[in-house]
Every structure is written in C-alpha cells, then in structure tokens.
C-alpha cells in the first residue's frame, strides 16, 4: 500500500534536502500530498544561474526553452510584477500569443488551473513556486481556499533551501528570538489572526507588531510569512 506523505514529513524532507536532487524529490512529495497534477519551483540566483524542480515533463521543459516562452508566459510576466500570490485566472491571457501558448502547454499536460507564489530574495534573486491542476473553477477555488496558507509556507521553505544550496553563499548568522517573539510566531504559524494572537498574549496589536517586526529582522525575513517559515525551518518554533 502506497501512503501519501504528510505535510510534516514533507517539511522534514525539505529541511534535510542538502542537494538539488533531494529538493526535486521533495517537490514530488508535495505534489502527491496535495493530490494535484503538477508542482514547479523555479529559482534564478544572484549570479543569474537558474534551477528548476517539479513535475512538468522533460518534453515540455525542452519545448519551453526552445521556443523562448519565458518572454510571453503570462505567469512569469504577471508574477514578476507582483509581490503577492496569484491565481492564474487573475493574469492577462487575452493576447493571441498567450492563448496559443496556453493551448500548447495543455497539450503537454499542463493543467488549466494554477496558483503561483512570487518570491524575491537577496541581490536580485527571484523565484516562483507554482501548483497546477486540471479541474473546474469551483473545485480549484475550494482547493486554493483550503491550502493557500500552506502553499505560501511551502514556497518559502523551497526558496530557503534553494538559497542555502546556492554555490559560494556565506551562511547567515542567526539571532535568538525572545520568548514573546517565539509565542507570537508560534500562534501566527498556527493560523491565528493578529487580533487573535494579541488577545491570547494579552497585548495590544501595536505591541504585537513590534514583536513581529523584531523577529522578522532577526530572521532576515522579507515579510511575516517568510519569518514564520524561517522560524519553523530552524526549529525555533514548533506547531
């Protein structure tokens, strides 16, 4: 009997991924866990070198490169201009070139639905984490509503590992979080809103914001979600 990996198992595999091949294995585990057609992670490092992992066919990857689809792909073009996750239906597919690209992609097994998380890192690093599936709009909306938070966390976990595998990268010195910062990050990681966290800790939302920003600075994170992901990956908080 084949068992589907749990999210905890996947995060553990990501934490242990010390090679790009293991990052690829972890990406397939995410696909199986979410029961979707495809997953893709694309990373452009600070030197301009590129790396990708995921489940798109080699034939489609080769076709994409040969045709230089990077220049017209609405997902790449749209996400490069955004800082927040985006459903593919929000992107501009109106041009003839975009429609032709989408039709060909589907012939190669790419689904009609997608959700992508753009990530920006140090020194111009850009990455994109995508989940992709074939289904109707209602089914996809239910999936993204149910998994949005975990997809964002997974995106940052993948990027964290990819950055750590970047050649000649200097390790970052870590700073310890205060007990209150740990409490705040833990409750946010558990899915509570800022108002709920402030109430549970018996502090004002302004004070909570100070704790969050302090933790984000210590973790070298770009936003709160990234801070939560880094705190979890480094074992500073346990959910």
C-alpha atoms as a PDB file:
ATOM      1  CA  UNK A   1       0.000   0.000   0.000  1.00  0.00           C
ATOM      2  CA  UNK A   2       1.383   3.409  -1.023  1.00  0.00           C
ATOM      3  CA  UNK A   3       0.894   6.111   1.599  1.00  0.00           C
ATOM      4  CA  UNK A   4       0.682   9.824   0.811  1.00  0.00           C
ATOM      5  CA  UNK A   5       3.335  11.823   2.683  1.00  0.00           C
ATOM      6  CA  UNK A   6       2.073  14.182   5.374  1.00  0.00           C
ATOM      7  CA  UNK A   7       2.925  17.899   5.398  1.00  0.00           C
ATOM      8  CA  UNK A   8       5.154  17.328   8.441  1.00  0.00           C
ATOM      9  CA  UNK A   9       7.021  14.605   6.550  1.00  0.00           C
ATOM     10  CA  UNK A  10       7.462  16.915   3.562  1.00  0.00           C
ATOM     11  CA  UNK A  11       8.769  19.785   5.676  1.00  0.00           C
ATOM     12  CA  UNK A  12      11.199  17.365   7.286  1.00  0.00           C
ATOM     13  CA  UNK A  13      12.381  16.234   3.846  1.00  0.00           C
ATOM     14  CA  UNK A  14      12.849  19.854   2.806  1.00  0.00           C
ATOM     15  CA  UNK A  15      14.847  20.554   5.954  1.00  0.00           C
ATOM     16  CA  UNK A  16      17.113  17.576   5.189  1.00  0.00           C
ATOM     17  CA  UNK A  17      17.473  18.388   1.481  1.00  0.00           C
ATOM     18  CA  UNK A  18      21.192  19.041   1.091  1.00  0.00           C
ATOM     19  CA  UNK A  19      21.314  18.612  -2.701  1.00  0.00           C
ATOM     20  CA  UNK A  20      19.225  19.821  -5.622  1.00  0.00           C
ATOM     21  CA  UNK A  21      18.235  16.211  -6.342  1.00  0.00           C
ATOM     22  CA  UNK A  22      16.704  15.924  -2.887  1.00  0.00           C
ATOM     23  CA  UNK A  23      14.874  19.196  -3.440  1.00  0.00           C
ATOM     24  CA  UNK A  24      13.415  17.607  -6.575  1.00  0.00           C
ATOM     25  CA  UNK A  25      12.294  14.576  -4.554  1.00  0.00           C
ATOM     26  CA  UNK A  26      10.645  16.870  -2.024  1.00  0.00           C
ATOM     27  CA  UNK A  27       8.756  18.679  -4.793  1.00  0.00           C
ATOM     28  CA  UNK A  28       7.220  15.404  -5.954  1.00  0.00           C
ATOM     29  CA  UNK A  29       6.246  14.592  -2.369  1.00  0.00           C
ATOM     30  CA  UNK A  30       4.387  17.911  -2.207  1.00  0.00           C
ATOM     31  CA  UNK A  31       2.555  17.079  -5.434  1.00  0.00           C
ATOM     32  CA  UNK A  32       1.486  13.708  -4.054  1.00  0.00           C
ATOM     33  CA  UNK A  33       0.444  15.201  -0.726  1.00  0.00           C
ATOM     34  CA  UNK A  34      -1.756  17.825  -2.390  1.00  0.00           C
ATOM     35  CA  UNK A  35      -3.121  15.329  -4.956  1.00  0.00           C
ATOM     36  CA  UNK A  36      -2.567  17.701  -7.870  1.00  0.00           C
ATOM     37  CA  UNK A  37      -1.187  17.244 -11.381  1.00  0.00           C
ATOM     38  CA  UNK A  38       1.941  19.371 -11.128  1.00  0.00           C
ATOM     39  CA  UNK A  39       4.219  21.434  -8.964  1.00  0.00           C
ATOM     40  CA  UNK A  40       7.077  23.651 -10.106  1.00  0.00           C
ATOM     41  CA  UNK A  41       9.740  25.722  -8.392  1.00  0.00           C
ATOM     42  CA  UNK A  42      11.963  27.996 -10.492  1.00  0.00           C
ATOM     43  CA  UNK A  43      14.897  29.864  -8.976  1.00  0.00           C
ATOM     44  CA  UNK A  44      17.189  32.490 -10.511  1.00  0.00           C
ATOM     45  CA  UNK A  45      20.088  33.107  -8.143  1.00  0.00           C
ATOM     46  CA  UNK A  46      22.139  36.232  -7.522  1.00  0.00           C
ATOM     47  CA  UNK A  47      24.608  35.270 -10.268  1.00  0.00           C
ATOM     48  CA  UNK A  48      21.890  34.734 -12.864  1.00  0.00           C
ATOM     49  CA  UNK A  49      22.148  30.938 -12.796  1.00  0.00           C
ATOM     50  CA  UNK A  50      18.831  29.101 -12.916  1.00  0.00           C
ATOM     51  CA  UNK A  51      17.480  25.977 -11.291  1.00  0.00           C
ATOM     52  CA  UNK A  52      14.113  24.305 -11.509  1.00  0.00           C
ATOM     53  CA  UNK A  53      12.435  21.339  -9.907  1.00  0.00           C
ATOM     54  CA  UNK A  54       8.976  19.880 -10.216  1.00  0.00           C
ATOM     55  CA  UNK A  55       6.828  17.520 -12.224  1.00  0.00           C
ATOM     56  CA  UNK A  56       6.394  19.085 -15.667  1.00  0.00           C
ATOM     57  CA  UNK A  57       7.512  16.673 -18.402  1.00  0.00           C
ATOM     58  CA  UNK A  58      11.002  16.966 -19.842  1.00  0.00           C
ATOM     59  CA  UNK A  59       9.396  17.362 -23.271  1.00  0.00           C
ATOM     60  CA  UNK A  60       7.501  20.452 -22.129  1.00  0.00           C
ATOM     61  CA  UNK A  61      10.568  21.893 -20.392  1.00  0.00           C
ATOM     62  CA  UNK A  62      12.618  21.471 -23.568  1.00  0.00           C
ATOM     63  CA  UNK A  63       9.852  22.925 -25.730  1.00  0.00           C
ATOM     64  CA  UNK A  64       9.515  25.900 -23.358  1.00  0.00           C
ATOM     65  CA  UNK A  65      13.244  26.651 -23.613  1.00  0.00           C
ATOM     66  CA  UNK A  66      13.450  26.073 -27.383  1.00  0.00           C
ATOM     67  CA  UNK A  67      10.571  28.463 -28.069  1.00  0.00           C
ATOM     68  CA  UNK A  68      11.804  31.012 -25.516  1.00  0.00           C
ATOM     69  CA  UNK A  69       8.339  31.058 -23.949  1.00  0.00           C
ATOM     70  CA  UNK A  70       9.767  32.965 -20.997  1.00  0.00           C
ATOM     71  CA  UNK A  71       9.162  36.171 -22.969  1.00  0.00           C
ATOM     72  CA  UNK A  72       5.405  35.612 -23.402  1.00  0.00           C
ATOM     73  CA  UNK A  73       4.395  33.354 -20.495  1.00  0.00           C
ATOM     74  CA  UNK A  74       1.664  35.322 -18.648  1.00  0.00           C
ATOM     75  CA  UNK A  75       2.570  33.553 -15.389  1.00  0.00           C
ATOM     76  CA  UNK A  76       6.189  34.738 -15.492  1.00  0.00           C
ATOM     77  CA  UNK A  77       5.308  38.201 -16.787  1.00  0.00           C
ATOM     78  CA  UNK A  78       2.458  38.682 -14.321  1.00  0.00           C
ATOM     79  CA  UNK A  79       4.226  37.329 -11.240  1.00  0.00           C
ATOM     80  CA  UNK A  80       7.397  39.324 -11.856  1.00  0.00           C
ATOM     81  CA  UNK A  81       5.279  42.458 -11.417  1.00  0.00           C
ATOM     82  CA  UNK A  82       3.637  41.194  -8.218  1.00  0.00           C
ATOM     83  CA  UNK A  83       4.656  40.550  -4.637  1.00  0.00           C
ATOM     84  CA  UNK A  84       1.613  38.523  -3.590  1.00  0.00           C
ATOM     85  CA  UNK A  85       0.362  35.032  -4.581  1.00  0.00           C
ATOM     86  CA  UNK A  86      -1.762  34.991  -7.693  1.00  0.00           C
ATOM     87  CA  UNK A  87      -4.334  32.674  -9.218  1.00  0.00           C
ATOM     88  CA  UNK A  88      -3.719  32.264 -12.938  1.00  0.00           C
ATOM     89  CA  UNK A  89      -7.240  33.467 -13.722  1.00  0.00           C
ATOM     90  CA  UNK A  90      -6.152  36.907 -12.491  1.00  0.00           C
ATOM     91  CA  UNK A  91      -3.471  37.119 -15.174  1.00  0.00           C
ATOM     92  CA  UNK A  92      -3.812  38.528 -18.678  1.00  0.00           C
ATOM     93  CA  UNK A  93      -4.338  35.717 -21.192  1.00  0.00           C
ATOM     94  CA  UNK A  94      -6.056  37.927 -23.771  1.00  0.00           C
ATOM     95  CA  UNK A  95      -3.319  38.167 -26.410  1.00  0.00           C
ATOM     96  CA  UNK A  96      -3.176  35.722 -29.299  1.00  0.00           C
ATOM     97  CA  UNK A  97       0.344  34.670 -28.278  1.00  0.00           C
ATOM     98  CA  UNK A  98      -0.745  33.952 -24.692  1.00  0.00           C
ATOM     99  CA  UNK A  99      -3.757  31.908 -25.798  1.00  0.00           C
ATOM    100  CA  UNK A 100      -1.632  29.923 -28.235  1.00  0.00           C
ATOM    101  CA  UNK A 101       0.958  29.317 -25.506  1.00  0.00           C
ATOM    102  CA  UNK A 102      -1.706  28.081 -23.080  1.00  0.00           C
ATOM    103  CA  UNK A 103      -3.226  25.741 -25.666  1.00  0.00           C
ATOM    104  CA  UNK A 104       0.160  24.195 -26.401  1.00  0.00           C
ATOM    105  CA  UNK A 105       1.008  23.892 -22.711  1.00  0.00           C
ATOM    106  CA  UNK A 106      -2.178  21.915 -22.116  1.00  0.00           C
ATOM    107  CA  UNK A 107      -1.222  19.536 -24.931  1.00  0.00           C
ATOM    108  CA  UNK A 108       1.916  18.785 -22.923  1.00  0.00           C
ATOM    109  CA  UNK A 109      -0.112  18.031 -19.798  1.00  0.00           C
ATOM    110  CA  UNK A 110      -0.094  21.421 -18.076  1.00  0.00           C
ATOM    111  CA  UNK A 111      -3.413  21.952 -16.299  1.00  0.00           C
ATOM    112  CA  UNK A 112      -5.893  24.744 -16.902  1.00  0.00           C
ATOM    113  CA  UNK A 113      -5.669  25.971 -13.281  1.00  0.00           C
ATOM    114  CA  UNK A 114      -2.679  27.390 -11.454  1.00  0.00           C
ATOM    115  CA  UNK A 115      -1.595  29.237  -8.325  1.00  0.00           C
ATOM    116  CA  UNK A 116       1.839  30.876  -8.143  1.00  0.00           C
ATOM    117  CA  UNK A 117       3.799  32.493  -5.321  1.00  0.00           C
ATOM    118  CA  UNK A 118       6.475  35.009  -6.406  1.00  0.00           C
ATOM    119  CA  UNK A 119       9.451  35.312  -4.048  1.00  0.00           C
ATOM    120  CA  UNK A 120      12.203  37.900  -4.025  1.00  0.00           C
ATOM    121  CA  UNK A 121      15.483  37.293  -2.289  1.00  0.00           C
ATOM    122  CA  UNK A 122      18.849  38.966  -1.728  1.00  0.00           C
ATOM    123  CA  UNK A 123      20.847  40.562  -4.543  1.00  0.00           C
ATOM    124  CA  UNK A 124      18.082  40.345  -7.127  1.00  0.00           C
ATOM    125  CA  UNK A 125      17.186  36.698  -6.607  1.00  0.00           C
ATOM    126  CA  UNK A 126      13.733  35.833  -7.961  1.00  0.00           C
ATOM    127  CA  UNK A 127      11.830  32.583  -7.571  1.00  0.00           C
ATOM    128  CA  UNK A 128       8.393  31.271  -8.428  1.00  0.00           C
ATOM    129  CA  UNK A 129       6.545  28.428  -6.706  1.00  0.00           C
ATOM    130  CA  UNK A 130       3.551  27.045  -8.629  1.00  0.00           C
ATOM    131  CA  UNK A 131       0.889  24.380  -8.189  1.00  0.00           C
ATOM    132  CA  UNK A 132      -1.060  23.340 -11.259  1.00  0.00           C
ATOM    133  CA  UNK A 133      -4.082  21.139 -11.908  1.00  0.00           C
ATOM    134  CA  UNK A 134      -6.890  20.324 -14.363  1.00  0.00           C
ATOM    135  CA  UNK A 135     -10.344  20.935 -12.915  1.00  0.00           C
ATOM    136  CA  UNK A 136     -13.279  23.352 -12.957  1.00  0.00           C
ATOM    137  CA  UNK A 137     -13.177  26.812 -11.371  1.00  0.00           C
ATOM    138  CA  UNK A 138     -15.303  25.851  -8.366  1.00  0.00           C
ATOM    139  CA  UNK A 139     -13.100  22.880  -7.445  1.00  0.00           C
ATOM    140  CA  UNK A 140      -9.961  24.970  -7.833  1.00  0.00           C
ATOM    141  CA  UNK A 141     -11.339  27.821  -5.726  1.00  0.00           C
ATOM    142  CA  UNK A 142     -12.102  25.349  -2.923  1.00  0.00           C
ATOM    143  CA  UNK A 143      -8.573  23.900  -3.184  1.00  0.00           C
ATOM    144  CA  UNK A 144      -6.805  27.268  -3.038  1.00  0.00           C
ATOM    145  CA  UNK A 145      -9.010  28.454  -0.175  1.00  0.00           C
ATOM    146  CA  UNK A 146      -8.178  25.326   1.815  1.00  0.00           C
ATOM    147  CA  UNK A 147      -4.442  25.275   1.082  1.00  0.00           C
ATOM    148  CA  UNK A 148      -3.442  28.915   0.488  1.00  0.00           C
ATOM    149  CA  UNK A 149      -1.554  29.357   3.752  1.00  0.00           C
ATOM    150  CA  UNK A 150       0.365  26.073   3.419  1.00  0.00           C
ATOM    151  CA  UNK A 151       1.221  26.821  -0.209  1.00  0.00           C
ATOM    152  CA  UNK A 152       2.796  30.129   0.784  1.00  0.00           C
ATOM    153  CA  UNK A 153       4.756  28.446   3.586  1.00  0.00           C
ATOM    154  CA  UNK A 154       5.927  25.705   1.222  1.00  0.00           C
ATOM    155  CA  UNK A 155       7.032  28.319  -1.311  1.00  0.00           C
ATOM    156  CA  UNK A 156       9.262  29.967   1.273  1.00  0.00           C
ATOM    157  CA  UNK A 157      10.576  26.622   2.527  1.00  0.00           C
ATOM    158  CA  UNK A 158      11.610  25.677  -1.024  1.00  0.00           C
ATOM    159  CA  UNK A 159      13.248  29.037  -1.548  1.00  0.00           C
ATOM    160  CA  UNK A 160      15.034  28.829   1.797  1.00  0.00           C
ATOM    161  CA  UNK A 161      16.597  25.513   0.846  1.00  0.00           C
ATOM    162  CA  UNK A 162      17.470  26.652  -2.682  1.00  0.00           C
ATOM    163  CA  UNK A 163      19.235  29.739  -1.330  1.00  0.00           C
ATOM    164  CA  UNK A 164      21.197  27.629   1.121  1.00  0.00           C
ATOM    165  CA  UNK A 165      22.311  25.414  -1.766  1.00  0.00           C
ATOM    166  CA  UNK A 166      23.482  28.418  -3.801  1.00  0.00           C
ATOM    167  CA  UNK A 167      27.221  27.986  -4.542  1.00  0.00           C
ATOM    168  CA  UNK A 168      29.665  30.115  -2.515  1.00  0.00           C
ATOM    169  CA  UNK A 169      26.895  31.519  -0.351  1.00  0.00           C
ATOM    170  CA  UNK A 170      28.047  32.853   3.004  1.00  0.00           C
ATOM    171  CA  UNK A 171      25.948  31.416   5.855  1.00  0.00           C
ATOM    172  CA  UNK A 172      23.887  33.942   7.761  1.00  0.00           C
ATOM    173  CA  UNK A 173      24.469  34.393  11.460  1.00  0.00           C
ATOM    174  CA  UNK A 174      21.312  33.634  13.428  1.00  0.00           C
ATOM    175  CA  UNK A 175      19.933  35.630  16.340  1.00  0.00           C
ATOM    176  CA  UNK A 176      17.868  34.117  19.119  1.00  0.00           C
ATOM    177  CA  UNK A 177      14.206  35.091  19.383  1.00  0.00           C
ATOM    178  CA  UNK A 178      12.847  36.359  22.688  1.00  0.00           C
ATOM    179  CA  UNK A 179      10.187  34.257  24.468  1.00  0.00           C
ATOM    180  CA  UNK A 180       7.486  36.755  23.418  1.00  0.00           C
ATOM    181  CA  UNK A 181       8.670  36.658  19.795  1.00  0.00           C
ATOM    182  CA  UNK A 182       8.533  32.851  19.881  1.00  0.00           C
ATOM    183  CA  UNK A 183       4.991  32.999  21.262  1.00  0.00           C
ATOM    184  CA  UNK A 184       3.885  35.427  18.556  1.00  0.00           C
ATOM    185  CA  UNK A 185       5.478  33.441  15.716  1.00  0.00           C
ATOM    186  CA  UNK A 186       4.066  30.166  17.044  1.00  0.00           C
ATOM    187  CA  UNK A 187       0.499  31.470  17.179  1.00  0.00           C
ATOM    188  CA  UNK A 188       0.787  33.032  13.709  1.00  0.00           C
ATOM    189  CA  UNK A 189       2.137  29.734  12.376  1.00  0.00           C
ATOM    190  CA  UNK A 190      -0.918  28.012  13.864  1.00  0.00           C
ATOM    191  CA  UNK A 191      -3.105  30.154  11.602  1.00  0.00           C
ATOM    192  CA  UNK A 192      -4.377  32.717  14.113  1.00  0.00           C
ATOM    193  CA  UNK A 193      -5.028  36.302  13.021  1.00  0.00           C
ATOM    194  CA  UNK A 194      -3.044  39.181  14.506  1.00  0.00           C
ATOM    195  CA  UNK A 195      -6.082  40.200  16.549  1.00  0.00           C
ATOM    196  CA  UNK A 196      -6.408  36.671  17.956  1.00  0.00           C
ATOM    197  CA  UNK A 197      -2.680  36.498  18.745  1.00  0.00           C
ATOM    198  CA  UNK A 198      -2.752  39.858  20.524  1.00  0.00           C
ATOM    199  CA  UNK A 199      -5.778  38.783  22.531  1.00  0.00           C
ATOM    200  CA  UNK A 200      -4.233  35.452  23.519  1.00  0.00           C
ATOM    201  CA  UNK A 201      -0.998  37.142  24.609  1.00  0.00           C
ATOM    202  CA  UNK A 202      -2.937  39.926  26.384  1.00  0.00           C
ATOM    203  CA  UNK A 203      -1.118  42.675  24.486  1.00  0.00           C
ATOM    204  CA  UNK A 204      -2.141  45.384  22.029  1.00  0.00           C
ATOM    205  CA  UNK A 205      -1.859  44.832  18.284  1.00  0.00           C
ATOM    206  CA  UNK A 206       0.713  47.656  18.227  1.00  0.00           C
ATOM    207  CA  UNK A 207       2.904  45.763  20.702  1.00  0.00           C
ATOM    208  CA  UNK A 208       2.401  42.563  18.722  1.00  0.00           C
ATOM    209  CA  UNK A 209       3.565  44.364  15.601  1.00  0.00           C
ATOM    210  CA  UNK A 210       6.776  45.343  17.422  1.00  0.00           C
ATOM    211  CA  UNK A 211       7.430  41.691  18.326  1.00  0.00           C
ATOM    212  CA  UNK A 212       6.739  40.532  14.767  1.00  0.00           C
ATOM    213  CA  UNK A 213       8.989  43.150  13.175  1.00  0.00           C
ATOM    214  CA  UNK A 214      11.769  42.358  15.656  1.00  0.00           C
ATOM    215  CA  UNK A 215      11.505  38.627  14.861  1.00  0.00           C
ATOM    216  CA  UNK A 216      11.411  39.347  11.131  1.00  0.00           C
ATOM    217  CA  UNK A 217      14.599  41.430  11.408  1.00  0.00           C
ATOM    218  CA  UNK A 218      16.421  38.767  13.444  1.00  0.00           C
ATOM    219  CA  UNK A 219      15.410  36.062  10.951  1.00  0.00           C
ATOM    220  CA  UNK A 220      16.360  38.146   7.918  1.00  0.00           C
ATOM    221  CA  UNK A 221      12.873  37.619   6.522  1.00  0.00           C
ATOM    222  CA  UNK A 222      11.190  39.672   3.811  1.00  0.00           C
ATOM    223  CA  UNK A 223       7.724  39.556   5.368  1.00  0.00           C
ATOM    224  CA  UNK A 224       5.792  37.876   8.175  1.00  0.00           C
ATOM    225  CA  UNK A 225       5.079  34.683   6.217  1.00  0.00           C
ATOM    226  CA  UNK A 226       8.764  34.315   5.402  1.00  0.00           C
ATOM    227  CA  UNK A 227       9.619  34.906   9.076  1.00  0.00           C
ATOM    228  CA  UNK A 228       7.238  32.126  10.145  1.00  0.00           C
ATOM    229  CA  UNK A 229       8.711  29.765   7.534  1.00  0.00           C
ATOM    230  CA  UNK A 230      12.278  30.514   8.645  1.00  0.00           C
ATOM    231  CA  UNK A 231      11.413  30.128  12.326  1.00  0.00           C
ATOM    232  CA  UNK A 232       9.830  26.735  11.603  1.00  0.00           C
ATOM    233  CA  UNK A 233      12.665  25.525   9.369  1.00  0.00           C
ATOM    234  CA  UNK A 234      15.251  26.440  12.013  1.00  0.00           C
ATOM    235  CA  UNK A 235      13.347  24.716  14.794  1.00  0.00           C
ATOM    236  CA  UNK A 236      12.756  27.971  16.690  1.00  0.00           C
ATOM    237  CA  UNK A 237       9.029  27.301  16.855  1.00  0.00           C
ATOM    238  CA  UNK A 238       7.044  24.073  16.827  1.00  0.00           C
ATOM    239  CA  UNK A 239       3.417  23.947  15.643  1.00  0.00           C
END
